[in-house]
Amino acid sequence: MFDWTKSCSYDEAQKRRFHSMARSRLRQLAAELHLPPGTFDIRSNRGGVAVSGEVTLHHTAAYIQVGQFGLSSGHGILIRTCKGRKDYTGGANHFAALTLLDDIPALAASVHAITGVGRQASGEISHAA
């Protein structure tokens, strides 16, 4: 299992693994949420040598960003609503633990609860406005 809390600071190999794993997990999240192709993108910003940078899934109605910005609090996933893929500020910030990347169904449930995007408990799919 990947150690999400091992610092990427000044560790290029760890940063490479972190970005690779985060991109993979965000692709899994997009699939779990049943996001239609073309409604989202996944991108990386590696940042400088002293930081982890971030990996972002940007959907037309949800913005999910993974980074080591909240290690001391245990948080490293930012989830918020947005109004299109040009909206980089979006709604209120909600934070979740990086370890949710190891439980994609639970992360998808959190994303759905916050943004309304994805599969509902009934199995119905919502794409939120």
N, C-alpha and C. Protein backbone atom coordinates (compact mmCIF):
# COMPACT_ATOMS: atom_id res chain seq x y z
N MET A 1 0.85 -1.18 0.00
CA MET A 1 0.00 0.00 0.00
C MET A 1 0.89 1.25 0.00
N PHE A 2 0.48 2.24 -0.74
CA PHE A 2 1.26 3.47 -0.86
C PHE A 2 1.15 4.29 0.43
N ASP A 3 2.27 4.87 0.85
CA ASP A 3 2.29 5.73 2.04
C ASP A 3 2.06 7.17 1.60
N TRP A 4 0.81 7.62 1.71
CA TRP A 4 0.44 8.97 1.28
C TRP A 4 1.07 10.04 2.15
N THR A 5 1.49 9.67 3.36
CA THR A 5 2.02 10.67 4.29
C THR A 5 3.54 10.80 4.24
N LYS A 6 4.21 9.96 3.48
CA LYS A 6 5.66 10.12 3.35
C LYS A 6 5.92 11.38 2.53
N SER A 7 6.65 12.29 3.12
CA SER A 7 6.86 13.60 2.51
C SER A 7 7.52 13.52 1.14
N CYS A 8 7.03 14.36 0.25
CA CYS A 8 7.63 14.50 -1.09
C CYS A 8 8.70 15.59 -1.10
N SER A 9 8.79 16.32 -0.01
CA SER A 9 9.73 17.43 0.08
C SER A 9 11.16 16.94 -0.10
N TYR A 10 11.84 17.47 -1.09
CA TYR A 10 13.23 17.13 -1.40
C TYR A 10 13.43 15.65 -1.71
N ASP A 11 12.39 14.98 -2.18
CA ASP A 11 12.47 13.55 -2.52
C ASP A 11 11.79 13.35 -3.87
N GLU A 12 12.56 13.49 -4.94
CA GLU A 12 12.01 13.43 -6.30
C GLU A 12 11.35 12.09 -6.60
N ALA A 13 11.94 11.00 -6.13
CA ALA A 13 11.36 9.68 -6.38
C ALA A 13 9.99 9.55 -5.70
N GLN A 14 9.89 10.03 -4.47
CA GLN A 14 8.60 9.98 -3.76
C GLN A 14 7.57 10.87 -4.45
N LYS A 15 8.00 12.04 -4.90
CA LYS A 15 7.07 12.94 -5.60
C LYS A 15 6.56 12.29 -6.88
N ARG A 16 7.43 11.64 -7.61
CA ARG A 16 7.03 10.94 -8.84
C ARG A 16 6.00 9.86 -8.53
N ARG A 17 6.26 9.07 -7.47
CA ARG A 17 5.31 8.01 -7.07
C ARG A 17 3.99 8.62 -6.60
N PHE A 18 4.08 9.69 -5.81
CA PHE A 18 2.89 10.35 -5.29
C PHE A 18 1.99 10.82 -6.44
N HIS A 19 2.57 11.48 -7.42
CA HIS A 19 1.79 11.99 -8.55
C HIS A 19 1.22 10.85 -9.39
N SER A 20 2.01 9.83 -9.61
CA SER A 20 1.55 8.68 -10.38
C SER A 20 0.38 7.99 -9.68
N MET A 21 0.52 7.75 -8.39
CA MET A 21 -0.54 7.08 -7.63
C MET A 21 -1.79 7.96 -7.53
N ALA A 22 -1.60 9.24 -7.28
CA ALA A 22 -2.75 10.14 -7.15
C ALA A 22 -3.51 10.23 -8.48
N ARG A 23 -2.80 10.32 -9.58
CA ARG A 23 -3.47 10.35 -10.90
C ARG A 23 -4.26 9.07 -11.12
N SER A 24 -3.66 7.95 -10.78
CA SER A 24 -4.34 6.66 -10.93
C SER A 24 -5.61 6.60 -10.08
N ARG A 25 -5.51 7.04 -8.84
CA ARG A 25 -6.67 6.99 -7.94
C ARG A 25 -7.75 7.98 -8.40
N LEU A 26 -7.36 9.12 -8.92
CA LEU A 26 -8.37 10.06 -9.41
C LEU A 26 -9.05 9.53 -10.67
N ARG A 27 -8.34 8.79 -11.49
CA ARG A 27 -8.99 8.12 -12.64
C ARG A 27 -10.00 7.10 -12.13
N GLN A 28 -9.63 6.35 -11.09
CA GLN A 28 -10.56 5.39 -10.50
C GLN A 28 -11.77 6.11 -9.91
N LEU A 29 -11.53 7.25 -9.28
CA LEU A 29 -12.63 8.03 -8.72
C LEU A 29 -13.59 8.49 -9.82
N ALA A 30 -13.04 8.98 -10.92
CA ALA A 30 -13.89 9.41 -12.05
C ALA A 30 -14.75 8.25 -12.54
N ALA A 31 -14.17 7.07 -12.61
CA ALA A 31 -14.93 5.89 -13.04
C ALA A 31 -16.00 5.54 -12.01
N GLU A 32 -15.65 5.58 -10.74
CA GLU A 32 -16.60 5.26 -9.66
C GLU A 32 -17.77 6.25 -9.66
N LEU A 33 -17.49 7.50 -9.98
CA LEU A 33 -18.53 8.53 -10.04
C LEU A 33 -19.31 8.50 -11.36
N HIS A 34 -18.85 7.68 -12.30
CA HIS A 34 -19.47 7.59 -13.63
C HIS A 34 -19.45 8.94 -14.35
N LEU A 35 -18.31 9.62 -14.28
CA LEU A 35 -18.18 10.90 -14.96
C LEU A 35 -18.04 10.66 -16.46
N PRO A 36 -18.88 11.26 -17.27
CA PRO A 36 -18.79 11.06 -18.71
C PRO A 36 -17.47 11.61 -19.28
N PRO A 37 -16.89 10.90 -20.24
CA PRO A 37 -15.68 11.42 -20.89
C PRO A 37 -15.93 12.82 -21.43
N GLY A 38 -14.92 13.65 -21.33
CA GLY A 38 -15.04 15.02 -21.82
C GLY A 38 -15.60 16.00 -20.81
N THR A 39 -16.07 15.49 -19.65
CA THR A 39 -16.61 16.40 -18.62
C THR A 39 -15.60 16.68 -17.53
N PHE A 40 -14.41 16.11 -17.65
CA PHE A 40 -13.39 16.32 -16.62
C PHE A 40 -12.00 16.16 -17.22
N ASP A 41 -11.03 16.67 -16.49
CA ASP A 41 -9.64 16.37 -16.82
C ASP A 41 -8.89 16.12 -15.51
N ILE A 42 -7.76 15.47 -15.64
CA ILE A 42 -6.89 15.21 -14.50
C ILE A 42 -5.54 15.80 -14.86
N ARG A 43 -5.04 16.65 -13.98
CA ARG A 43 -3.77 17.31 -14.27
C ARG A 43 -2.88 17.36 -13.03
N SER A 44 -1.60 17.48 -13.27
CA SER A 44 -0.61 17.56 -12.20
C SER A 44 0.12 18.88 -12.25
N ASN A 45 0.39 19.40 -11.08
CA ASN A 45 1.29 20.54 -10.91
C ASN A 45 2.33 20.06 -9.91
N ARG A 46 3.53 19.78 -10.37
CA ARG A 46 4.55 19.19 -9.51
C ARG A 46 5.11 20.17 -8.49
N GLY A 47 4.93 21.45 -8.67
CA GLY A 47 5.42 22.41 -7.70
C GLY A 47 6.94 22.39 -7.59
N GLY A 48 7.45 23.08 -6.61
CA GLY A 48 8.89 23.16 -6.40
C GLY A 48 9.42 21.98 -5.61
N VAL A 49 10.71 21.99 -5.38
CA VAL A 49 11.39 20.87 -4.74
C VAL A 49 10.94 20.67 -3.28
N ALA A 50 10.47 21.72 -2.63
CA ALA A 50 10.13 21.63 -1.21
C ALA A 50 8.69 21.21 -0.94
N VAL A 51 7.89 21.02 -1.99
CA VAL A 51 6.48 20.69 -1.80
C VAL A 51 6.08 19.47 -2.63
N SER A 52 4.91 18.92 -2.31
CA SER A 52 4.42 17.76 -3.05
C SER A 52 3.84 18.15 -4.40
N GLY A 53 3.40 19.40 -4.52
CA GLY A 53 2.61 19.77 -5.68
C GLY A 53 1.21 19.22 -5.49
N GLU A 54 0.41 19.21 -6.56
CA GLU A 54 -0.94 18.68 -6.42
C GLU A 54 -1.38 18.03 -7.72
N VAL A 55 -2.35 17.13 -7.57
CA VAL A 55 -2.98 16.46 -8.70
C VAL A 55 -4.47 16.78 -8.59
N THR A 56 -5.06 17.22 -9.69
CA THR A 56 -6.43 17.72 -9.66
C THR A 56 -7.32 16.99 -10.65
N LEU A 57 -8.49 16.61 -10.19
CA LEU A 57 -9.57 16.15 -11.06
C LEU A 57 -10.54 17.32 -11.13
N HIS A 58 -10.68 17.90 -12.32
CA HIS A 58 -11.54 19.07 -12.49
C HIS A 58 -12.69 18.69 -13.42
N HIS A 59 -13.86 18.56 -12.83
CA HIS A 59 -15.09 18.20 -13.54
C HIS A 59 -15.88 19.49 -13.77
N THR A 60 -16.92 19.42 -14.56
CA THR A 60 -17.73 20.61 -14.81
C THR A 60 -18.45 21.10 -13.56
N ALA A 61 -18.63 20.22 -12.55
CA ALA A 61 -19.34 20.63 -11.34
C ALA A 61 -18.60 20.29 -10.04
N ALA A 62 -17.41 19.69 -10.15
CA ALA A 62 -16.66 19.32 -8.94
C ALA A 62 -15.17 19.49 -9.19
N TYR A 63 -14.47 19.87 -8.13
CA TYR A 63 -13.03 20.11 -8.18
C TYR A 63 -12.44 19.32 -7.02
N ILE A 64 -11.60 18.33 -7.33
CA ILE A 64 -10.98 17.49 -6.31
C ILE A 64 -9.47 17.60 -6.49
N GLN A 65 -8.79 18.01 -5.44
CA GLN A 65 -7.35 18.21 -5.52
C GLN A 65 -6.66 17.41 -4.42
N VAL A 66 -5.58 16.73 -4.80
CA VAL A 66 -4.81 15.89 -3.89
C VAL A 66 -3.41 16.49 -3.74
N GLY A 67 -2.99 16.67 -2.51
CA GLY A 67 -1.64 17.17 -2.23
C GLY A 67 -1.30 16.91 -0.78
N GLN A 68 -0.10 17.23 -0.41
CA GLN A 68 0.31 17.05 0.98
C GLN A 68 0.23 18.37 1.73
N PHE A 69 -0.76 19.17 1.42
CA PHE A 69 -0.90 20.49 2.03
C PHE A 69 -1.45 20.44 3.44
N GLY A 70 -1.97 19.33 3.88
CA GLY A 70 -2.55 19.26 5.22
C GLY A 70 -2.05 18.08 6.03
N LEU A 71 -0.80 17.71 5.85
CA LEU A 71 -0.30 16.51 6.54
C LEU A 71 -0.42 16.61 8.05
N SER A 72 -0.17 17.78 8.60
CA SER A 72 -0.23 17.90 10.07
C SER A 72 -1.65 17.69 10.58
N SER A 73 -2.64 17.98 9.75
CA SER A 73 -4.04 17.79 10.16
C SER A 73 -4.59 16.45 9.67
N GLY A 74 -3.82 15.76 8.84
CA GLY A 74 -4.29 14.50 8.28
C GLY A 74 -5.08 14.67 7.00
N HIS A 75 -5.24 15.91 6.57
CA HIS A 75 -6.02 16.18 5.37
C HIS A 75 -5.11 16.43 4.18
N GLY A 76 -5.54 15.98 3.03
CA GLY A 76 -4.77 16.21 1.82
C GLY A 76 -5.61 16.14 0.57
N ILE A 77 -6.93 16.01 0.76
CA ILE A 77 -7.84 16.01 -0.38
C ILE A 77 -8.79 17.20 -0.20
N LEU A 78 -8.80 18.06 -1.19
CA LEU A 78 -9.70 19.21 -1.22
C LEU A 78 -10.85 18.86 -2.16
N ILE A 79 -12.07 19.05 -1.69
CA ILE A 79 -13.26 18.79 -2.51
C ILE A 79 -14.14 20.04 -2.47
N ARG A 80 -14.55 20.50 -3.64
CA ARG A 80 -15.47 21.63 -3.68
C ARG A 80 -16.26 21.62 -4.98
N THR A 81 -17.34 22.34 -4.98
CA THR A 81 -18.13 22.50 -6.20
C THR A 81 -17.44 23.52 -7.10
N CYS A 82 -17.82 23.51 -8.35
CA CYS A 82 -17.34 24.53 -9.28
C CYS A 82 -18.39 24.70 -10.37
N LYS A 83 -18.24 25.77 -11.12
CA LYS A 83 -19.17 26.06 -12.22
C LYS A 83 -18.39 26.02 -13.52
N GLY A 84 -18.05 24.82 -13.93
CA GLY A 84 -17.31 24.65 -15.17
C GLY A 84 -15.83 24.44 -14.93
N ARG A 85 -15.14 24.06 -15.99
CA ARG A 85 -13.72 23.73 -15.87
C ARG A 85 -12.81 24.94 -15.98
N LYS A 86 -13.39 26.12 -16.07
CA LYS A 86 -12.60 27.36 -16.00
C LYS A 86 -12.74 28.01 -14.63
N ASP A 87 -13.53 27.39 -13.75
CA ASP A 87 -13.74 27.91 -12.39
C ASP A 87 -12.69 27.27 -11.47
N TYR A 88 -11.73 28.07 -11.03
CA TYR A 88 -10.64 27.55 -10.20
C TYR A 88 -10.81 27.93 -8.73
N THR A 89 -11.86 28.66 -8.39
CA THR A 89 -12.08 29.03 -7.00
C THR A 89 -13.27 28.29 -6.40
N GLY A 90 -14.32 28.10 -7.16
CA GLY A 90 -15.44 27.25 -6.77
C GLY A 90 -16.13 27.60 -5.48
N GLY A 91 -16.83 26.59 -4.95
CA GLY A 91 -17.59 26.75 -3.71
C GLY A 91 -16.69 26.59 -2.49
N ALA A 92 -17.34 26.36 -1.36
CA ALA A 92 -16.61 26.22 -0.09
C ALA A 92 -15.67 25.01 -0.14
N ASN A 93 -14.53 25.17 0.51
CA ASN A 93 -13.56 24.08 0.58
C ASN A 93 -13.97 23.06 1.63
N HIS A 94 -13.85 21.79 1.28
CA HIS A 94 -14.07 20.67 2.20
C HIS A 94 -12.82 19.80 2.11
N PHE A 95 -12.37 19.31 3.24
CA PHE A 95 -11.13 18.53 3.25
C PHE A 95 -11.38 17.11 3.73
N ALA A 96 -10.60 16.19 3.18
CA ALA A 96 -10.69 14.78 3.55
C ALA A 96 -9.27 14.23 3.69
N ALA A 97 -9.17 13.13 4.38
CA ALA A 97 -7.88 12.49 4.62
C ALA A 97 -7.33 11.86 3.33
N LEU A 98 -6.02 11.94 3.16
CA LEU A 98 -5.37 11.30 2.01
C LEU A 98 -5.64 9.80 1.97
N THR A 99 -5.85 9.20 3.12
CA THR A 99 -6.08 7.75 3.15
C THR A 99 -7.37 7.34 2.44
N LEU A 100 -8.27 8.29 2.18
CA LEU A 100 -9.47 7.96 1.41
C LEU A 100 -9.11 7.56 -0.02
N LEU A 101 -7.92 7.89 -0.46
CA LEU A 101 -7.48 7.46 -1.79
C LEU A 101 -7.33 5.94 -1.85
N ASP A 102 -7.29 5.30 -0.69
CA ASP A 102 -7.23 3.84 -0.63
C ASP A 102 -8.62 3.21 -0.52
N ASP A 103 -9.66 4.04 -0.50
CA ASP A 103 -11.04 3.57 -0.43
C ASP A 103 -11.88 4.42 -1.39
N ILE A 104 -11.76 4.12 -2.66
CA ILE A 104 -12.40 4.94 -3.70
C ILE A 104 -13.92 5.02 -3.53
N PRO A 105 -14.63 3.93 -3.19
CA PRO A 105 -16.07 4.08 -2.98
C PRO A 105 -16.41 5.08 -1.86
N ALA A 106 -15.64 5.08 -0.79
CA ALA A 106 -15.88 6.04 0.30
C ALA A 106 -15.56 7.46 -0.15
N LEU A 107 -14.49 7.62 -0.91
CA LEU A 107 -14.15 8.94 -1.43
C LEU A 107 -15.24 9.42 -2.38
N ALA A 108 -15.73 8.53 -3.23
CA ALA A 108 -16.81 8.89 -4.16
C ALA A 108 -18.06 9.32 -3.39
N ALA A 109 -18.35 8.63 -2.30
CA ALA A 109 -19.51 9.00 -1.48
C ALA A 109 -19.32 10.39 -0.89
N SER A 110 -18.11 10.71 -0.46
CA SER A 110 -17.83 12.05 0.08
C SER A 110 -17.97 13.10 -1.00
N VAL A 111 -17.42 12.82 -2.17
CA VAL A 111 -17.53 13.78 -3.29
C VAL A 111 -19.00 14.00 -3.63
N HIS A 112 -19.76 12.92 -3.69
CA HIS A 112 -21.19 13.05 -4.01
C HIS A 112 -21.92 13.87 -2.94
N ALA A 113 -21.62 13.59 -1.67
CA ALA A 113 -22.29 14.30 -0.58
C ALA A 113 -22.00 15.80 -0.63
N ILE A 114 -20.79 16.16 -1.02
CA ILE A 114 -20.39 17.56 -1.04
C ILE A 114 -20.83 18.27 -2.31
N THR A 115 -20.72 17.59 -3.45
CA THR A 115 -20.93 18.25 -4.74
C THR A 115 -22.22 17.85 -5.45
N GLY A 116 -22.78 16.72 -5.08
CA GLY A 116 -23.95 16.21 -5.79
C GLY A 116 -23.60 15.47 -7.07
N VAL A 117 -22.32 15.35 -7.36
CA VAL A 117 -21.86 14.69 -8.58
C VAL A 117 -21.70 13.20 -8.33
N GLY A 118 -22.13 12.39 -9.28
CA GLY A 118 -21.87 10.96 -9.20
C GLY A 118 -23.06 10.13 -8.79
N ARG A 119 -22.77 8.89 -8.46
CA ARG A 119 -23.80 7.91 -8.13
C ARG A 119 -24.44 8.23 -6.79
N GLN A 120 -25.76 8.19 -6.77
CA GLN A 120 -26.51 8.38 -5.53
C GLN A 120 -26.75 7.03 -4.89
N ALA A 121 -27.19 7.03 -3.64
CA ALA A 121 -27.45 5.78 -2.93
C ALA A 121 -28.43 4.90 -3.69
N SER A 122 -29.36 5.51 -4.42
CA SER A 122 -30.36 4.76 -5.18
C SER A 122 -29.77 4.13 -6.43
N GLY A 123 -28.52 4.49 -6.75
CA GLY A 123 -27.90 4.00 -7.97
C GLY A 123 -28.08 4.97 -9.13
N GLU A 124 -28.93 5.99 -8.93
CA GLU A 124 -29.16 7.00 -9.96
C GLU A 124 -27.92 7.88 -10.06
N ILE A 125 -27.61 8.29 -11.26
CA ILE A 125 -26.43 9.12 -11.48
C ILE A 125 -26.84 10.57 -11.63
N SER A 126 -26.14 11.42 -10.89
CA SER A 126 -26.37 12.86 -10.95
C SER A 126 -25.11 13.52 -11.49
N HIS A 127 -25.28 14.45 -12.39
CA HIS A 127 -24.12 15.16 -12.94
C HIS A 127 -24.06 16.59 -12.43
N ALA A 128 -24.94 16.94 -11.52
CA ALA A 128 -24.99 18.27 -10.90
C ALA A 128 -24.86 19.38 -11.92
N ALA A 129 -25.38 20.50 -11.58
CA ALA A 129 -25.33 21.64 -12.50
C ALA A 129 -24.18 22.54 -12.15
